[in-house]
Every structure is written in C-alpha cells, then in structure tokens.
N, C-alpha and C. Protein backbone atom coordinates (compact mmCIF):
# COMPACT_ATOMS: atom_id res chain seq x y z
N UNK A 1 16.96 -23.36 6.71
CA UNK A 1 17.02 -22.15 6.96
C UNK A 1 16.14 -21.49 6.36
N UNK A 2 15.06 -20.38 7.10
CA UNK A 2 13.82 -19.74 6.54
C UNK A 2 13.61 -18.58 6.41
N UNK A 3 14.03 -18.24 5.89
CA UNK A 3 13.80 -16.04 5.61
C UNK A 3 13.12 -15.03 5.44
N UNK A 4 13.43 -14.16 6.14
CA UNK A 4 11.89 -13.39 6.85
C UNK A 4 11.54 -12.38 5.39
N UNK A 5 10.62 -12.47 5.25
CA UNK A 5 10.09 -11.68 4.82
C UNK A 5 10.58 -9.60 4.93
N UNK A 6 11.00 -9.51 4.08
CA UNK A 6 11.12 -7.84 3.80
C UNK A 6 9.55 -6.82 4.19
N UNK A 7 10.15 -5.80 4.99
CA UNK A 7 8.53 -5.16 5.98
C UNK A 7 8.96 -3.79 4.44
N UNK A 8 7.85 -3.76 4.08
CA UNK A 8 7.61 -2.09 3.98
C UNK A 8 6.48 -1.99 3.71
N UNK A 9 7.21 -0.31 3.67
CA UNK A 9 5.42 0.08 3.92
C UNK A 9 5.24 1.66 2.07
N UNK A 10 4.16 1.51 1.58
CA UNK A 10 3.94 2.37 1.17
C UNK A 10 3.77 4.36 1.13
N UNK A 11 4.04 4.20 0.36
CA UNK A 11 3.47 5.80 0.67
C UNK A 11 2.96 6.39 -0.92
N UNK A 12 1.65 6.28 -1.09
CA UNK A 12 1.36 7.35 -1.60
C UNK A 12 1.20 5.89 -3.07
N UNK A 13 0.24 5.02 -2.24
CA UNK A 13 -0.11 3.70 -3.05
C UNK A 13 -0.45 3.63 -4.91
N UNK A 14 -1.92 5.03 -4.80
CA UNK A 14 -2.49 5.31 -5.36
C UNK A 14 -2.14 5.58 -6.55
N UNK A 15 -0.87 6.52 -6.37
CA UNK A 15 -0.31 7.16 -7.70
C UNK A 15 0.66 6.10 -8.81
N UNK A 16 0.65 6.85 -9.02
CA UNK A 16 1.80 5.88 -10.50
C UNK A 16 2.97 5.43 -9.74
N UNK A 17 3.44 5.91 -9.56
CA UNK A 17 4.48 4.46 -9.25
C UNK A 17 4.17 3.62 -7.79
N UNK A 18 3.34 4.03 -7.05
CA UNK A 18 2.53 3.33 -5.81
C UNK A 18 2.26 2.06 -6.78
N UNK A 19 1.49 2.17 -6.81
CA UNK A 19 0.64 1.76 -7.91
C UNK A 19 1.58 0.10 -8.87
N UNK A 20 2.95 0.73 -10.00
CA UNK A 20 3.46 0.13 -10.26
C UNK A 20 3.92 -0.85 -9.48
N UNK A 21 4.86 -0.17 -8.38
CA UNK A 21 5.45 -1.19 -6.71
C UNK A 21 4.83 -1.88 -6.69
N UNK A 22 2.87 -1.80 -6.08
CA UNK A 22 2.34 -2.58 -5.52
C UNK A 22 2.29 -3.98 -6.19
N UNK A 23 2.23 -3.70 -8.06
CA UNK A 23 1.90 -4.14 -9.19
C UNK A 23 3.10 -5.69 -8.80
N UNK A 24 4.81 -5.21 -9.09
CA UNK A 24 6.49 -5.82 -8.59
C UNK A 24 5.56 -6.86 -7.52
N UNK A 25 5.38 -5.62 -6.25
CA UNK A 25 5.22 -6.58 -4.89
C UNK A 25 4.17 -7.39 -4.72
N UNK A 26 2.98 -7.37 -6.18
CA UNK A 26 2.02 -9.22 -6.06
C UNK A 26 2.56 -9.87 -6.97
N UNK A 27 3.59 -10.12 -7.27
CA UNK A 27 4.42 -10.98 -8.53
C UNK A 27 5.40 -11.99 -7.08
N UNK A 28 5.58 -10.94 -7.00
CA UNK A 28 6.75 -11.66 -5.26
C UNK A 28 6.00 -11.29 -3.96
N UNK A 29 4.60 -12.18 -3.38
CA UNK A 29 4.87 -12.06 -2.10
C UNK A 29 5.44 -12.80 -1.36
N UNK A 30 5.39 -13.93 -1.53
CA UNK A 30 6.00 -14.88 -0.69
C UNK A 30 7.41 -14.00 -0.25
N UNK A 31 7.85 -12.83 -0.59
CA UNK A 31 9.02 -12.23 -0.33
C UNK A 31 8.82 -10.87 0.43
N UNK A 32 7.43 -10.02 0.53
CA UNK A 32 7.08 -9.17 0.99
C UNK A 32 5.94 -8.99 2.17
N UNK A 33 5.76 -7.85 3.06
CA UNK A 33 4.14 -8.31 3.90
C UNK A 33 4.62 -6.41 3.66
N UNK A 34 3.83 -5.95 3.34
CA UNK A 34 3.63 -4.51 3.20
C UNK A 34 2.44 -4.00 4.53
N UNK A 35 3.32 -3.30 4.92
CA UNK A 35 3.42 -2.88 7.12
C UNK A 35 1.84 -2.57 6.47
N UNK A 36 2.72 -0.71 5.79
CA UNK A 36 1.19 1.08 5.82
C UNK A 36 1.41 0.83 4.45
N UNK A 37 0.35 1.38 4.38
CA UNK A 37 -0.01 1.61 2.47
C UNK A 37 -1.06 3.78 2.98
N UNK A 38 -0.52 4.63 2.25
CA UNK A 38 -0.88 5.83 2.34
C UNK A 38 -2.16 6.56 1.18
N UNK A 39 -2.24 6.70 0.74
CA UNK A 39 -3.08 7.82 -1.15
C UNK A 39 -3.51 9.86 -0.02
N UNK A 40 -3.57 10.15 -1.27
CA UNK A 40 -4.74 10.66 -0.81
C UNK A 40 -5.81 11.37 -1.20
N UNK A 41 -7.07 10.81 -3.09
CA UNK A 41 -7.87 10.69 -2.26
C UNK A 41 -8.86 9.96 -3.25
N UNK A 42 -7.80 8.80 -2.93
CA UNK A 42 -8.31 8.17 -3.95
C UNK A 42 -9.49 5.83 -3.26
N UNK A 43 -10.00 6.90 -2.80
CA UNK A 43 -10.75 6.14 -1.91
C UNK A 43 -11.23 4.28 -2.42
N UNK A 44 -11.19 4.64 -3.75
CA UNK A 44 -11.96 2.91 -4.17
C UNK A 44 -10.83 2.23 -4.39
N UNK A 45 -9.85 3.16 -4.68
CA UNK A 45 -8.16 2.25 -5.26
C UNK A 45 -8.05 1.86 -4.40
N UNK A 46 -7.25 2.71 -3.11
CA UNK A 46 -6.81 1.66 -2.22
C UNK A 46 -7.88 0.72 -1.48
N UNK A 47 -9.20 1.10 -1.35
CA UNK A 47 -9.61 -0.24 -0.51
C UNK A 47 -8.94 -1.54 -1.59
N UNK A 48 -9.37 -1.57 -2.43
CA UNK A 48 -8.83 -2.84 -3.34
C UNK A 48 -7.67 -3.30 -2.87
N UNK A 49 -6.23 -2.22 -2.95
CA UNK A 49 -4.95 -2.10 -2.56
C UNK A 49 -5.31 -3.29 -0.79
N UNK A 50 -6.00 -2.16 -0.18
CA UNK A 50 -6.52 -2.58 1.18
C UNK A 50 -7.28 -4.55 1.49
N UNK A 51 -7.96 -4.63 0.07
CA UNK A 51 -7.92 -6.05 0.21
C UNK A 51 -6.75 -7.11 0.30
N UNK A 52 -6.62 -6.51 -0.58
CA UNK A 52 -5.25 -7.17 -2.00
C UNK A 52 -3.95 -7.49 -1.17
N UNK A 53 -3.94 -6.58 -0.18
CA UNK A 53 -2.36 -6.81 0.36
C UNK A 53 -2.64 -7.03 2.53
N UNK A 54 -3.50 -6.34 2.50
CA UNK A 54 -3.57 -6.66 4.43
C UNK A 54 -2.83 -5.58 5.31
N UNK A 55 -2.63 -4.33 4.58
CA UNK A 55 -1.55 -3.79 5.93
C UNK A 55 -1.97 -3.38 6.99
N UNK A 56 -0.79 -3.54 7.84
CA UNK A 56 -1.65 -3.09 9.15
C UNK A 56 -2.55 -1.97 10.06
N UNK A 57 -1.45 -0.74 8.95
CA UNK A 57 -2.16 0.26 8.69
C UNK A 57 -2.00 0.83 7.52
N UNK A 58 -2.64 2.19 7.69
CA UNK A 58 -3.50 3.20 6.01
C UNK A 58 -4.28 3.91 6.34
N UNK A 59 -3.15 5.36 5.68
CA UNK A 59 -3.10 7.03 6.00
C UNK A 59 -4.02 7.59 4.82
N UNK A 60 -4.72 7.80 5.00
CA UNK A 60 -5.74 8.73 4.35
C UNK A 60 -6.23 10.16 4.57
N UNK A 61 -5.59 10.65 3.59
CA UNK A 61 -5.51 11.91 3.54
C UNK A 61 -6.46 13.18 4.07
N UNK A 62 -7.11 14.32 4.57
CA UNK A 62 -8.50 14.31 4.46
C UNK A 62 -8.17 15.93 3.77
N UNK A 63 -8.77 16.15 3.23
CA UNK A 63 -8.70 16.82 2.79
C UNK A 63 -10.44 17.95 3.03
N UNK A 64 -10.61 17.14 4.12
CA UNK A 64 -12.16 18.77 4.14
C UNK A 64 -11.44 19.47 5.22
N UNK A 65 -9.85 19.33 5.83
CA UNK A 65 -10.28 20.74 6.21
C UNK A 65 -8.75 21.74 5.59
N UNK A 66 -8.88 21.27 4.40
CA UNK A 66 -7.99 22.20 3.54
C UNK A 66 -8.80 23.04 2.76
N UNK A 67 -7.92 24.74 2.95
CA UNK A 67 -9.57 25.52 2.32
C UNK A 67 -8.44 26.60 1.96
C-alpha cells in the first residue's frame, strides 16, 4: 500500500515560522509535497526555497504599489 504525500502551502515561507517549517519538512521530504510558497520581499531566500522544494506556485508581494 502506497501512502500519499501530505500537500502543504507555506505562507510567509521566508519568515521565522516559515523557515522553521521548511527546515522540518526538508528532513521529511518523502512525506510532504510543497504546493506553494509565498513571501513579502525576501527574493534571495525564496529563490533558494524554490530551487530546493520545487513548488507549483509562488506568490511574492509587490511593494511598488504601496505608497
């Protein structure tokens, strides 16, 4: 019997709680499937996360619209 991976999305993946969650998930990759990641403005870190976890969707907040 094959068990299906747990599907998960991480909102705020570059923040404190998000990075800790991904650290745990990285040790249990065979149990989880990252569907999506989101962040505010830490582009460099989310690029690394995308490379490691290959999410299907990514959302990055744009600050250019805020005055």
